[in-house]
Amino acid sequence: MAWVKKRDPLQPVPPTYHHPERCMGCGHLKDEHDPEVGCLVEGGTKYMHDEESGAEIRACSCLEFIPAPEEVAAT
């Protein structure tokens, strides 16, 4: 059985580190987002149609890349 560090349930949960190249909304990489349409990764709920190539995908519903906040030093 793994050890569990006790935490006061009345205190807020400390933030976990989130890589700055991943979106806070969906977790996909920054280069998988387009500034105009949002996330381009297949397998989501947003239906996208590319006028030039005719490609159609169901992409993540994330509308924009949400960067992670600066890493907070543990106190």
C-alpha atoms as a PDB file:
ATOM      1  CA  MET A   1       0.000   0.000   0.000  1.00  0.00           C
ATOM      2  CA  ALA A   2       1.352   3.423  -0.935  1.00  0.00           C
ATOM      3  CA  TRP A   3       1.846   6.078   1.696  1.00  0.00           C
ATOM      4  CA  VAL A   4      -0.526   9.017   1.502  1.00  0.00           C
ATOM      5  CA  LYS A   5       0.501  12.441   2.729  1.00  0.00           C
ATOM      6  CA  LYS A   6      -2.229  13.837   4.979  1.00  0.00           C
ATOM      7  CA  ARG A   7      -3.721  17.136   3.865  1.00  0.00           C
ATOM      8  CA  ASP A   8      -6.073  19.471   5.684  1.00  0.00           C
ATOM      9  CA  PRO A   9      -9.357  19.264   3.707  1.00  0.00           C
ATOM     10  CA  LEU A  10     -10.183  22.851   4.624  1.00  0.00           C
ATOM     11  CA  GLN A  11      -7.089  24.187   2.871  1.00  0.00           C
ATOM     12  CA  PRO A  12      -7.038  24.738  -0.911  1.00  0.00           C
ATOM     13  CA  VAL A  13      -5.356  22.088  -3.017  1.00  0.00           C
ATOM     14  CA  PRO A  14      -1.843  23.224  -3.949  1.00  0.00           C
ATOM     15  CA  PRO A  15      -1.370  23.794  -7.685  1.00  0.00           C
ATOM     16  CA  THR A  16       0.358  21.049  -9.607  1.00  0.00           C
ATOM     17  CA  TYR A  17       2.987  21.849 -12.212  1.00  0.00           C
ATOM     18  CA  HIS A  18       1.582  22.090 -15.729  1.00  0.00           C
ATOM     19  CA  HIS A  19       3.980  22.150 -18.675  1.00  0.00           C
ATOM     20  CA  PRO A  20       3.851  25.595 -20.382  1.00  0.00           C
ATOM     21  CA  GLU A  21       3.677  24.040 -23.857  1.00  0.00           C
ATOM     22  CA  ARG A  22       0.406  22.252 -22.996  1.00  0.00           C
ATOM     23  CA  CYS A  23      -3.016  23.887 -22.972  1.00  0.00           C
ATOM     24  CA  MET A  24      -4.649  24.240 -19.565  1.00  0.00           C
ATOM     25  CA  GLY A  25      -8.045  23.552 -21.137  1.00  0.00           C
ATOM     26  CA  CYS A  26      -7.415  20.323 -23.008  1.00  0.00           C
ATOM     27  CA  GLY A  27      -3.795  19.346 -22.334  1.00  0.00           C
ATOM     28  CA  HIS A  28      -2.778  19.292 -25.996  1.00  0.00           C
ATOM     29  CA  LEU A  29       0.468  20.836 -27.197  1.00  0.00           C
ATOM     30  CA  LYS A  30       0.697  24.473 -28.280  1.00  0.00           C
ATOM     31  CA  ASP A  31       1.481  23.580 -31.903  1.00  0.00           C
ATOM     32  CA  GLU A  32      -1.773  21.576 -32.053  1.00  0.00           C
ATOM     33  CA  HIS A  33      -3.766  24.811 -31.681  1.00  0.00           C
ATOM     34  CA  ASP A  34      -4.654  27.346 -34.340  1.00  0.00           C
ATOM     35  CA  PRO A  35      -5.216  30.913 -33.060  1.00  0.00           C
ATOM     36  CA  GLU A  36      -8.388  31.258 -35.170  1.00  0.00           C
ATOM     37  CA  VAL A  37     -10.153  27.948 -34.511  1.00  0.00           C
ATOM     38  CA  GLY A  38      -8.553  26.533 -31.373  1.00  0.00           C
ATOM     39  CA  CYS A  39      -7.591  22.899 -30.914  1.00  0.00           C
ATOM     40  CA  LEU A  40      -6.964  20.797 -34.012  1.00  0.00           C
ATOM     41  CA  VAL A  41      -6.557  17.374 -32.366  1.00  0.00           C
ATOM     42  CA  GLU A  42      -8.959  14.739 -33.622  1.00  0.00           C
ATOM     43  CA  GLY A  43     -11.405  12.967 -31.361  1.00  0.00           C
ATOM     44  CA  GLY A  44     -13.437  15.719 -29.771  1.00  0.00           C
ATOM     45  CA  THR A  45     -16.853  17.327 -30.025  1.00  0.00           C
ATOM     46  CA  LYS A  46     -16.100  20.301 -32.316  1.00  0.00           C
ATOM     47  CA  TYR A  47     -16.777  19.548 -35.995  1.00  0.00           C
ATOM     48  CA  MET A  48     -14.311  21.257 -38.343  1.00  0.00           C
ATOM     49  CA  HIS A  49     -14.221  21.441 -42.135  1.00  0.00           C
ATOM     50  CA  ASP A  50     -11.155  22.655 -44.045  1.00  0.00           C
ATOM     51  CA  GLU A  51     -12.284  24.595 -47.121  1.00  0.00           C
ATOM     52  CA  GLU A  52      -9.000  24.105 -49.024  1.00  0.00           C
ATOM     53  CA  SER A  53      -8.349  20.392 -48.527  1.00  0.00           C
ATOM     54  CA  GLY A  54     -11.905  19.275 -47.824  1.00  0.00           C
ATOM     55  CA  ALA A  55     -10.748  17.469 -44.675  1.00  0.00           C
ATOM     56  CA  GLU A  56     -13.353  17.034 -41.954  1.00  0.00           C
ATOM     57  CA  ILE A  57     -12.522  16.180 -38.354  1.00  0.00           C
ATOM     58  CA  ARG A  58     -14.133  16.170 -34.957  1.00  0.00           C
ATOM     59  CA  ALA A  59     -11.661  18.138 -32.888  1.00  0.00           C
ATOM     60  CA  CYS A  60     -11.295  18.969 -29.211  1.00  0.00           C
ATOM     61  CA  SER A  61     -13.806  21.660 -28.239  1.00  0.00           C
ATOM     62  CA  CYS A  62     -11.066  23.892 -26.792  1.00  0.00           C
ATOM     63  CA  LEU A  63     -11.457  27.244 -28.598  1.00  0.00           C
ATOM     64  CA  GLU A  64      -8.071  28.724 -27.742  1.00  0.00           C
ATOM     65  CA  PHE A  65      -4.714  27.801 -26.280  1.00  0.00           C
ATOM     66  CA  ILE A  66      -4.743  28.559 -22.555  1.00  0.00           C
ATOM     67  CA  PRO A  67      -1.165  28.802 -21.277  1.00  0.00           C
ATOM     68  CA  ALA A  68      -0.166  27.541 -17.860  1.00  0.00           C
ATOM     69  CA  PRO A  69       0.599  30.138 -15.207  1.00  0.00           C
ATOM     70  CA  GLU A  70       4.210  30.654 -14.218  1.00  0.00           C
ATOM     71  CA  GLU A  71       5.470  27.853 -11.988  1.00  0.00           C
ATOM     72  CA  VAL A  72       5.083  28.790  -8.335  1.00  0.00           C
ATOM     73  CA  ALA A  73       7.970  27.932  -6.035  1.00  0.00           C
ATOM     74  CA  ALA A  74       6.968  25.645  -3.188  1.00  0.00           C
ATOM     75  CA  THR A  75       6.853  27.447   0.145  1.00  0.00           C
END
